[in-house]
Amino acid sequence: MNLMPPGYDAYALRGPDEPHQIGTQHGELCGRYEEPDEDAPRGYRPKRCTGTMDCNEGYIICDTCGEEADRCP
């Protein structure tokens, strides 16, 4: 006897409808979230970084948060 609804496996294993895109190429919007902070107030939701990815010293780095994406091609 199968208790799972038809198509359940396909539903459970599919990815999100709209993946959260982060910047990995020169000129893209960064879109990363800041690291979790244990001292943040209850219910605090961090905002996405609004910086731009820039090629700097051979690496693609966000000009606002400083996160490194990849080496420049």
PDB file of N, CA and C in Angstrom:
ATOM      1  N   MET A   1       0.850  -1.179   0.000  1.00  0.00           N
ATOM      2  CA  MET A   1       0.000   0.000   0.000  1.00  0.00           C
ATOM      3  C   MET A   1       0.894   1.240   0.000  1.00  0.00           C
ATOM      4  N   ASN A   2       0.714   2.106  -0.964  1.00  0.00           N
ATOM      5  CA  ASN A   2       1.526   3.301  -1.096  1.00  0.00           C
ATOM      6  C   ASN A   2       0.772   4.492  -0.485  1.00  0.00           C
ATOM      7  N   LEU A   3       1.343   5.082   0.556  1.00  0.00           N
ATOM      8  CA  LEU A   3       0.695   6.203   1.228  1.00  0.00           C
ATOM      9  C   LEU A   3       1.121   7.558   0.668  1.00  0.00           C
ATOM     10  N   MET A   4       2.093   7.566  -0.219  1.00  0.00           N
ATOM     11  CA  MET A   4       2.568   8.815  -0.807  1.00  0.00           C
ATOM     12  C   MET A   4       1.672   9.232  -1.970  1.00  0.00           C
ATOM     13  N   PRO A   5       1.352  10.516  -2.080  1.00  0.00           N
ATOM     14  CA  PRO A   5       0.562  10.965  -3.233  1.00  0.00           C
ATOM     15  C   PRO A   5       1.355  10.806  -4.525  1.00  0.00           C
ATOM     16  N   PRO A   6       0.673  10.612  -5.650  1.00  0.00           N
ATOM     17  CA  PRO A   6       1.396  10.465  -6.914  1.00  0.00           C
ATOM     18  C   PRO A   6       2.206  11.716  -7.226  1.00  0.00           C
ATOM     19  N   GLY A   7       3.404  11.515  -7.705  1.00  0.00           N
ATOM     20  CA  GLY A   7       4.278  12.629  -8.047  1.00  0.00           C
ATOM     21  C   GLY A   7       5.014  13.224  -6.859  1.00  0.00           C
ATOM     22  N   TYR A   8       4.909  12.618  -5.669  1.00  0.00           N
ATOM     23  CA  TYR A   8       5.551  13.174  -4.473  1.00  0.00           C
ATOM     24  C   TYR A   8       7.062  13.235  -4.615  1.00  0.00           C
ATOM     25  N   ASP A   9       7.678  12.186  -5.149  1.00  0.00           N
ATOM     26  CA  ASP A   9       9.137  12.165  -5.285  1.00  0.00           C
ATOM     27  C   ASP A   9       9.624  13.314  -6.164  1.00  0.00           C
ATOM     28  N   ALA A  10       8.933  13.567  -7.253  1.00  0.00           N
ATOM     29  CA  ALA A  10       9.324  14.672  -8.135  1.00  0.00           C
ATOM     30  C   ALA A  10       9.198  15.999  -7.398  1.00  0.00           C
ATOM     31  N   TYR A  11       8.150  16.158  -6.588  1.00  0.00           N
ATOM     32  CA  TYR A  11       7.947  17.390  -5.828  1.00  0.00           C
ATOM     33  C   TYR A  11       9.039  17.559  -4.768  1.00  0.00           C
ATOM     34  N   ALA A  12       9.339  16.492  -4.051  1.00  0.00           N
ATOM     35  CA  ALA A  12      10.302  16.571  -2.958  1.00  0.00           C
ATOM     36  C   ALA A  12      11.729  16.795  -3.453  1.00  0.00           C
ATOM     37  N   LEU A  13      12.061  16.328  -4.634  1.00  0.00           N
ATOM     38  CA  LEU A  13      13.428  16.391  -5.121  1.00  0.00           C
ATOM     39  C   LEU A  13      13.701  17.557  -6.058  1.00  0.00           C
ATOM     40  N   ARG A  14      12.682  18.324  -6.435  1.00  0.00           N
ATOM     41  CA  ARG A  14      12.930  19.437  -7.344  1.00  0.00           C
ATOM     42  C   ARG A  14      13.545  20.613  -6.589  1.00  0.00           C
ATOM     43  N   GLY A  15      14.218  21.471  -7.321  1.00  0.00           N
ATOM     44  CA  GLY A  15      14.850  22.641  -6.731  1.00  0.00           C
ATOM     45  C   GLY A  15      13.846  23.759  -6.530  1.00  0.00           C
ATOM     46  N   PRO A  16      14.301  24.857  -5.937  1.00  0.00           N
ATOM     47  CA  PRO A  16      13.396  25.986  -5.742  1.00  0.00           C
ATOM     48  C   PRO A  16      12.979  26.598  -7.084  1.00  0.00           C
ATOM     49  N   ASP A  17      11.802  27.209  -7.100  1.00  0.00           N
ATOM     50  CA  ASP A  17      11.290  27.804  -8.333  1.00  0.00           C
ATOM     51  C   ASP A  17      12.160  28.954  -8.807  1.00  0.00           C
ATOM     52  N   GLU A  18      12.574  29.815  -7.893  1.00  0.00           N
ATOM     53  CA  GLU A  18      13.418  30.951  -8.239  1.00  0.00           C
ATOM     54  C   GLU A  18      14.686  30.881  -7.391  1.00  0.00           C
ATOM     55  N   PRO A  19      15.763  30.361  -7.948  1.00  0.00           N
ATOM     56  CA  PRO A  19      16.989  30.264  -7.150  1.00  0.00           C
ATOM     57  C   PRO A  19      17.514  31.644  -6.799  1.00  0.00           C
ATOM     58  N   HIS A  20      18.116  31.757  -5.635  1.00  0.00           N
ATOM     59  CA  HIS A  20      18.696  33.019  -5.205  1.00  0.00           C
ATOM     60  C   HIS A  20      20.023  33.201  -5.931  1.00  0.00           C
ATOM     61  N   GLN A  21      20.078  34.189  -6.793  1.00  0.00           N
ATOM     62  CA  GLN A  21      21.268  34.429  -7.593  1.00  0.00           C
ATOM     63  C   GLN A  21      22.227  35.337  -6.840  1.00  0.00           C
ATOM     64  N   ILE A  22      23.498  34.992  -6.866  1.00  0.00           N
ATOM     65  CA  ILE A  22      24.531  35.858  -6.315  1.00  0.00           C
ATOM     66  C   ILE A  22      25.499  36.207  -7.429  1.00  0.00           C
ATOM     67  N   GLY A  23      26.146  37.340  -7.282  1.00  0.00           N
ATOM     68  CA  GLY A  23      27.060  37.796  -8.315  1.00  0.00           C
ATOM     69  C   GLY A  23      28.334  36.973  -8.374  1.00  0.00           C
ATOM     70  N   THR A  24      28.682  36.536  -9.574  1.00  0.00           N
ATOM     71  CA  THR A  24      29.926  35.796  -9.765  1.00  0.00           C
ATOM     72  C   THR A  24      30.746  36.355 -10.917  1.00  0.00           C
ATOM     73  N   GLN A  25      30.141  37.265 -11.701  1.00  0.00           N
ATOM     74  CA  GLN A  25      30.826  37.832 -12.853  1.00  0.00           C
ATOM     75  C   GLN A  25      31.005  39.333 -12.676  1.00  0.00           C
ATOM     76  N   HIS A  26      31.992  39.897 -13.374  1.00  0.00           N
ATOM     77  CA  HIS A  26      32.270  41.321 -13.312  1.00  0.00           C
ATOM     78  C   HIS A  26      31.040  42.132 -13.705  1.00  0.00           C
ATOM     79  N   GLY A  27      30.656  43.111 -12.878  1.00  0.00           N
ATOM     80  CA  GLY A  27      29.531  43.984 -13.165  1.00  0.00           C
ATOM     81  C   GLY A  27      28.189  43.524 -12.624  1.00  0.00           C
ATOM     82  N   GLU A  28      28.087  42.299 -12.113  1.00  0.00           N
ATOM     83  CA  GLU A  28      26.819  41.812 -11.567  1.00  0.00           C
ATOM     84  C   GLU A  28      26.588  42.360 -10.161  1.00  0.00           C
ATOM     85  N   LEU A  29      25.331  42.351  -9.725  1.00  0.00           N
ATOM     86  CA  LEU A  29      24.965  42.718  -8.368  1.00  0.00           C
ATOM     87  C   LEU A  29      25.414  41.600  -7.430  1.00  0.00           C
ATOM     88  N   CYS A  30      25.988  41.934  -6.277  1.00  0.00           N
ATOM     89  CA  CYS A  30      26.519  40.929  -5.344  1.00  0.00           C
ATOM     90  C   CYS A  30      25.411  40.013  -4.834  1.00  0.00           C
ATOM     91  N   GLY A  31      24.440  40.542  -4.087  1.00  0.00           N
ATOM     92  CA  GLY A  31      23.295  39.753  -3.635  1.00  0.00           C
ATOM     93  C   GLY A  31      23.570  38.808  -2.484  1.00  0.00           C
ATOM     94  N   ARG A  32      24.726  38.873  -1.847  1.00  0.00           N
ATOM     95  CA  ARG A  32      25.028  37.976  -0.732  1.00  0.00           C
ATOM     96  C   ARG A  32      24.433  38.532   0.563  1.00  0.00           C
ATOM     97  N   TYR A  33      24.205  37.633   1.512  1.00  0.00           N
ATOM     98  CA  TYR A  33      23.745  38.021   2.842  1.00  0.00           C
ATOM     99  C   TYR A  33      24.945  38.082   3.779  1.00  0.00           C
ATOM    100  N   GLU A  34      24.857  38.924   4.805  1.00  0.00           N
ATOM    101  CA  GLU A  34      25.935  38.993   5.787  1.00  0.00           C
ATOM    102  C   GLU A  34      25.915  37.738   6.654  1.00  0.00           C
ATOM    103  N   GLU A  35      27.028  37.473   7.311  1.00  0.00           N
ATOM    104  CA  GLU A  35      27.134  36.308   8.184  1.00  0.00           C
ATOM    105  C   GLU A  35      26.132  36.420   9.326  1.00  0.00           C
ATOM    106  N   PRO A  36      25.568  35.293   9.795  1.00  0.00           N
ATOM    107  CA  PRO A  36      24.645  35.345  10.924  1.00  0.00           C
ATOM    108  C   PRO A  36      25.335  35.912  12.171  1.00  0.00           C
ATOM    109  N   ASP A  37      24.598  36.705  12.926  1.00  0.00           N
ATOM    110  CA  ASP A  37      25.133  37.336  14.127  1.00  0.00           C
ATOM    111  C   ASP A  37      24.309  36.875  15.320  1.00  0.00           C
ATOM    112  N   GLU A  38      24.951  36.220  16.272  1.00  0.00           N
ATOM    113  CA  GLU A  38      24.225  35.700  17.435  1.00  0.00           C
ATOM    114  C   GLU A  38      23.705  36.815  18.338  1.00  0.00           C
ATOM    115  N   ASP A  39      24.230  38.027  18.199  1.00  0.00           N
ATOM    116  CA  ASP A  39      23.775  39.150  19.016  1.00  0.00           C
ATOM    117  C   ASP A  39      22.656  39.950  18.356  1.00  0.00           C
ATOM    118  N   ALA A  40      22.230  39.546  17.170  1.00  0.00           N
ATOM    119  CA  ALA A  40      21.159  40.257  16.469  1.00  0.00           C
ATOM    120  C   ALA A  40      19.847  40.067  17.230  1.00  0.00           C
ATOM    121  N   PRO A  41      18.960  41.062  17.198  1.00  0.00           N
ATOM    122  CA  PRO A  41      17.676  40.926  17.889  1.00  0.00           C
ATOM    123  C   PRO A  41      16.839  39.798  17.306  1.00  0.00           C
ATOM    124  N   ARG A  42      15.959  39.265  18.114  1.00  0.00           N
ATOM    125  CA  ARG A  42      15.101  38.166  17.692  1.00  0.00           C
ATOM    126  C   ARG A  42      14.257  38.609  16.495  1.00  0.00           C
ATOM    127  N   GLY A  43      14.190  37.784  15.469  1.00  0.00           N
ATOM    128  CA  GLY A  43      13.413  38.080  14.279  1.00  0.00           C
ATOM    129  C   GLY A  43      14.136  38.955  13.258  1.00  0.00           C
ATOM    130  N   TYR A  44      15.407  39.276  13.503  1.00  0.00           N
ATOM    131  CA  TYR A  44      16.168  40.117  12.576  1.00  0.00           C
ATOM    132  C   TYR A  44      16.382  39.381  11.267  1.00  0.00           C
ATOM    133  N   ARG A  45      16.127  40.043  10.162  1.00  0.00           N
ATOM    134  CA  ARG A  45      16.349  39.460   8.839  1.00  0.00           C
ATOM    135  C   ARG A  45      17.381  40.314   8.115  1.00  0.00           C
ATOM    136  N   PRO A  46      18.540  39.742   7.811  1.00  0.00           N
ATOM    137  CA  PRO A  46      19.579  40.523   7.132  1.00  0.00           C
ATOM    138  C   PRO A  46      19.156  40.891   5.715  1.00  0.00           C
ATOM    139  N   LYS A  47      19.690  41.997   5.237  1.00  0.00           N
ATOM    140  CA  LYS A  47      19.408  42.461   3.877  1.00  0.00           C
ATOM    141  C   LYS A  47      20.531  41.990   2.941  1.00  0.00           C
ATOM    142  N   ARG A  48      20.191  41.836   1.680  1.00  0.00           N
ATOM    143  CA  ARG A  48      21.182  41.444   0.681  1.00  0.00           C
ATOM    144  C   ARG A  48      22.141  42.588   0.419  1.00  0.00           C
ATOM    145  N   CYS A  49      23.381  42.256   0.092  1.00  0.00           N
ATOM    146  CA  CYS A  49      24.382  43.253  -0.259  1.00  0.00           C
ATOM    147  C   CYS A  49      24.008  43.854  -1.615  1.00  0.00           C
ATOM    148  N   THR A  50      24.122  45.164  -1.726  1.00  0.00           N
ATOM    149  CA  THR A  50      23.773  45.839  -2.974  1.00  0.00           C
ATOM    150  C   THR A  50      25.012  46.269  -3.758  1.00  0.00           C
ATOM    151  N   GLY A  51      26.165  45.736  -3.386  1.00  0.00           N
ATOM    152  CA  GLY A  51      27.402  46.080  -4.070  1.00  0.00           C
ATOM    153  C   GLY A  51      27.497  45.462  -5.454  1.00  0.00           C
ATOM    154  N   THR A  52      28.505  45.885  -6.199  1.00  0.00           N
ATOM    155  CA  THR A  52      28.743  45.400  -7.564  1.00  0.00           C
ATOM    156  C   THR A  52      30.045  44.599  -7.588  1.00  0.00           C
ATOM    157  N   MET A  53      30.035  43.497  -8.316  1.00  0.00           N
ATOM    158  CA  MET A  53      31.233  42.671  -8.442  1.00  0.00           C
ATOM    159  C   MET A  53      32.211  43.373  -9.382  1.00  0.00           C
ATOM    160  N   ASP A  54      33.480  43.441  -8.965  1.00  0.00           N
ATOM    161  CA  ASP A  54      34.494  44.163  -9.716  1.00  0.00           C
ATOM    162  C   ASP A  54      35.763  43.325  -9.772  1.00  0.00           C
ATOM    163  N   CYS A  55      36.458  43.366 -10.900  1.00  0.00           N
ATOM    164  CA  CYS A  55      37.720  42.639 -11.046  1.00  0.00           C
ATOM    165  C   CYS A  55      38.826  43.471 -10.409  1.00  0.00           C
ATOM    166  N   ASN A  56      39.456  42.911  -9.361  1.00  0.00           N
ATOM    167  CA  ASN A  56      40.450  43.632  -8.590  1.00  0.00           C
ATOM    168  C   ASN A  56      41.587  42.685  -8.234  1.00  0.00           C
ATOM    169  N   GLU A  57      42.781  42.990  -8.653  1.00  0.00           N
ATOM    170  CA  GLU A  57      43.981  42.196  -8.348  1.00  0.00           C
ATOM    171  C   GLU A  57      43.826  40.733  -8.745  1.00  0.00           C
ATOM    172  N   GLY A  58      43.187  40.477  -9.887  1.00  0.00           N
ATOM    173  CA  GLY A  58      43.060  39.117 -10.401  1.00  0.00           C
ATOM    174  C   GLY A  58      41.878  38.333  -9.864  1.00  0.00           C
ATOM    175  N   TYR A  59      41.085  38.926  -8.982  1.00  0.00           N
ATOM    176  CA  TYR A  59      39.915  38.254  -8.411  1.00  0.00           C
ATOM    177  C   TYR A  59      38.680  39.105  -8.627  1.00  0.00           C
ATOM    178  N   ILE A  60      37.515  38.469  -8.661  1.00  0.00           N
ATOM    179  CA  ILE A  60      36.248  39.192  -8.742  1.00  0.00           C
ATOM    180  C   ILE A  60      35.762  39.364  -7.309  1.00  0.00           C
ATOM    181  N   ILE A  61      35.691  40.633  -6.858  1.00  0.00           N
ATOM    182  CA  ILE A  61      35.406  40.964  -5.466  1.00  0.00           C
ATOM    183  C   ILE A  61      34.278  41.989  -5.421  1.00  0.00           C
ATOM    184  N   CYS A  62      33.402  41.889  -4.409  1.00  0.00           N
ATOM    185  CA  CYS A  62      32.341  42.868  -4.223  1.00  0.00           C
ATOM    186  C   CYS A  62      32.946  44.166  -3.704  1.00  0.00           C
ATOM    187  N   ASP A  63      32.531  45.294  -4.297  1.00  0.00           N
ATOM    188  CA  ASP A  63      33.077  46.584  -3.886  1.00  0.00           C
ATOM    189  C   ASP A  63      32.489  47.094  -2.569  1.00  0.00           C
ATOM    190  N   THR A  64      31.450  46.435  -2.032  1.00  0.00           N
ATOM    191  CA  THR A  64      30.845  46.860  -0.771  1.00  0.00           C
ATOM    192  C   THR A  64      31.204  45.934   0.390  1.00  0.00           C
ATOM    193  N   CYS A  65      30.922  44.640   0.252  1.00  0.00           N
ATOM    194  CA  CYS A  65      31.156  43.715   1.378  1.00  0.00           C
ATOM    195  C   CYS A  65      32.507  43.019   1.313  1.00  0.00           C
ATOM    196  N   GLY A  66      33.171  43.049   0.152  1.00  0.00           N
ATOM    197  CA  GLY A  66      34.494  42.460   0.024  1.00  0.00           C
ATOM    198  C   GLY A  66      34.516  40.960  -0.220  1.00  0.00           C
ATOM    199  N   GLU A  67      33.344  40.338  -0.427  1.00  0.00           N
ATOM    200  CA  GLU A  67      33.316  38.898  -0.702  1.00  0.00           C
ATOM    201  C   GLU A  67      33.962  38.601  -2.045  1.00  0.00           C
ATOM    202  N   GLU A  68      34.727  37.532  -2.078  1.00  0.00           N
ATOM    203  CA  GLU A  68      35.443  37.118  -3.287  1.00  0.00           C
ATOM    204  C   GLU A  68      34.651  36.040  -4.001  1.00  0.00           C
ATOM    205  N   ALA A  69      34.449  36.179  -5.316  1.00  0.00           N
ATOM    206  CA  ALA A  69      33.665  35.206  -6.074  1.00  0.00           C
ATOM    207  C   ALA A  69      34.575  34.212  -6.800  1.00  0.00           C
ATOM    208  N   ASP A  70      35.542  34.703  -7.577  1.00  0.00           N
ATOM    209  CA  ASP A  70      36.332  33.811  -8.402  1.00  0.00           C
ATOM    210  C   ASP A  70      37.507  34.596  -8.969  1.00  0.00           C
ATOM    211  N   ARG A  71      38.400  33.887  -9.623  1.00  0.00           N
ATOM    212  CA  ARG A  71      39.509  34.565 -10.306  1.00  0.00           C
ATOM    213  C   ARG A  71      39.009  35.179 -11.600  1.00  0.00           C
ATOM    214  N   CYS A  72      39.587  36.313 -11.973  1.00  0.00           N
ATOM    215  CA  CYS A  72      39.233  36.947 -13.242  1.00  0.00           C
ATOM    216  C   CYS A  72      39.710  36.063 -14.391  1.00  0.00           C
ATOM    217  N   PRO A  73      38.907  35.988 -15.462  1.00  0.00           N
ATOM    218  CA  PRO A  73      39.318  35.160 -16.620  1.00  0.00           C
ATOM    219  C   PRO A  73      40.484  35.787 -17.364  1.00  0.00           C
TER     220      PRO A  73
END
